[in-house]
Amino acid sequence: MFKSEAVALPEESPIHVADWNWNEHYAEVEFTENIEVRFLLRLAEAEAEENDGEPEYSLQSVEVLEANLDED
């Protein structure tokens, strides 16, 4: 998070600063809340004959489609 944004966090915020000097412009922050996330995983299938006829998959990419805070 930008340091200027971290300074403005309210006291009751679930986000807290873990390291103000993470780098020149950003502070490292942590939060403790439940979130709901939808991912898109792209897999590549290996040749079946290489794996005794059983397909094997490797992860090509991960994309976050949506992330929402759980507000119960």
Protein backbone atom coordinates (compact mmCIF):
# COMPACT_ATOMS: atom_id res chain seq x y z
CA MET A 1 0.00 0.00 0.00
CA PHE A 2 1.27 3.50 -0.72
CA LYS A 3 2.71 5.00 2.47
CA SER A 4 0.43 8.04 2.08
CA GLU A 5 -2.62 5.73 2.05
CA ALA A 6 -1.34 3.70 5.02
CA VAL A 7 -1.00 6.86 7.13
CA ALA A 8 -4.69 7.62 6.51
CA LEU A 9 -5.96 4.19 7.69
CA PRO A 10 -8.57 4.51 10.46
CA GLU A 11 -7.74 2.96 13.84
CA GLU A 12 -10.61 0.45 13.51
CA SER A 13 -9.38 -0.77 10.12
CA PRO A 14 -8.75 -4.51 9.69
CA ILE A 15 -5.61 -3.47 7.76
CA HIS A 16 -2.48 -2.77 9.78
CA VAL A 17 1.03 -1.80 8.74
CA ALA A 18 3.58 -4.59 9.17
CA ASP A 19 6.60 -2.68 7.81
CA TRP A 20 6.66 1.08 7.17
CA ASN A 21 10.02 0.82 5.37
CA TRP A 22 9.17 -2.01 2.98
CA ASN A 23 10.53 0.15 0.17
CA GLU A 24 10.76 3.83 -0.75
CA HIS A 25 7.09 4.27 -1.71
CA TYR A 26 5.16 1.37 -0.17
CA ALA A 27 4.43 0.07 3.31
CA GLU A 28 3.86 -3.65 3.83
CA VAL A 29 0.36 -4.22 5.21
CA GLU A 30 -1.58 -7.19 6.57
CA PHE A 31 -5.24 -7.73 7.21
CA THR A 32 -7.42 -10.31 8.92
CA GLU A 33 -10.78 -10.66 7.24
CA ASN A 34 -12.61 -13.32 5.31
CA ILE A 35 -12.52 -12.81 1.57
CA GLU A 36 -14.23 -14.60 -1.29
CA VAL A 37 -12.03 -15.03 -4.35
CA ARG A 38 -12.69 -16.40 -7.82
CA PHE A 39 -9.63 -17.62 -9.73
CA LEU A 40 -9.08 -18.67 -13.30
CA LEU A 41 -6.48 -21.46 -13.44
CA ARG A 42 -4.98 -22.41 -16.79
CA LEU A 43 -3.56 -25.92 -16.93
CA ALA A 44 -1.47 -27.66 -19.56
CA GLU A 45 -1.94 -31.38 -20.10
CA ALA A 46 1.18 -33.50 -20.62
CA GLU A 47 1.24 -36.33 -23.13
CA ALA A 48 -0.60 -39.37 -21.72
CA GLU A 49 2.03 -41.86 -22.89
CA GLU A 50 4.69 -40.07 -20.76
CA ASN A 51 2.65 -40.81 -17.62
CA ASP A 52 1.62 -44.46 -18.03
CA GLY A 53 -1.57 -43.42 -19.80
CA GLU A 54 -2.70 -41.11 -16.98
CA PRO A 55 -2.99 -37.42 -17.85
CA GLU A 56 -0.81 -35.05 -15.85
CA TYR A 57 -1.32 -31.32 -15.64
CA SER A 58 0.97 -28.39 -14.95
CA LEU A 59 -0.12 -24.92 -13.91
CA GLN A 60 0.33 -22.35 -16.68
CA SER A 61 -1.20 -19.28 -15.05
CA VAL A 62 -3.43 -17.98 -12.27
CA GLU A 63 -5.69 -14.96 -12.72
CA VAL A 64 -7.82 -13.37 -10.00
CA LEU A 65 -11.26 -12.74 -11.49
CA GLU A 66 -12.93 -11.28 -8.42
CA ALA A 67 -12.10 -10.69 -4.77
CA ASN A 68 -14.67 -9.45 -2.22
CA LEU A 69 -14.54 -8.88 1.52
CA ASP A 70 -17.05 -11.06 3.36
CA GLU A 71 -19.27 -8.55 5.16
CA ASP A 72 -21.43 -10.60 7.54
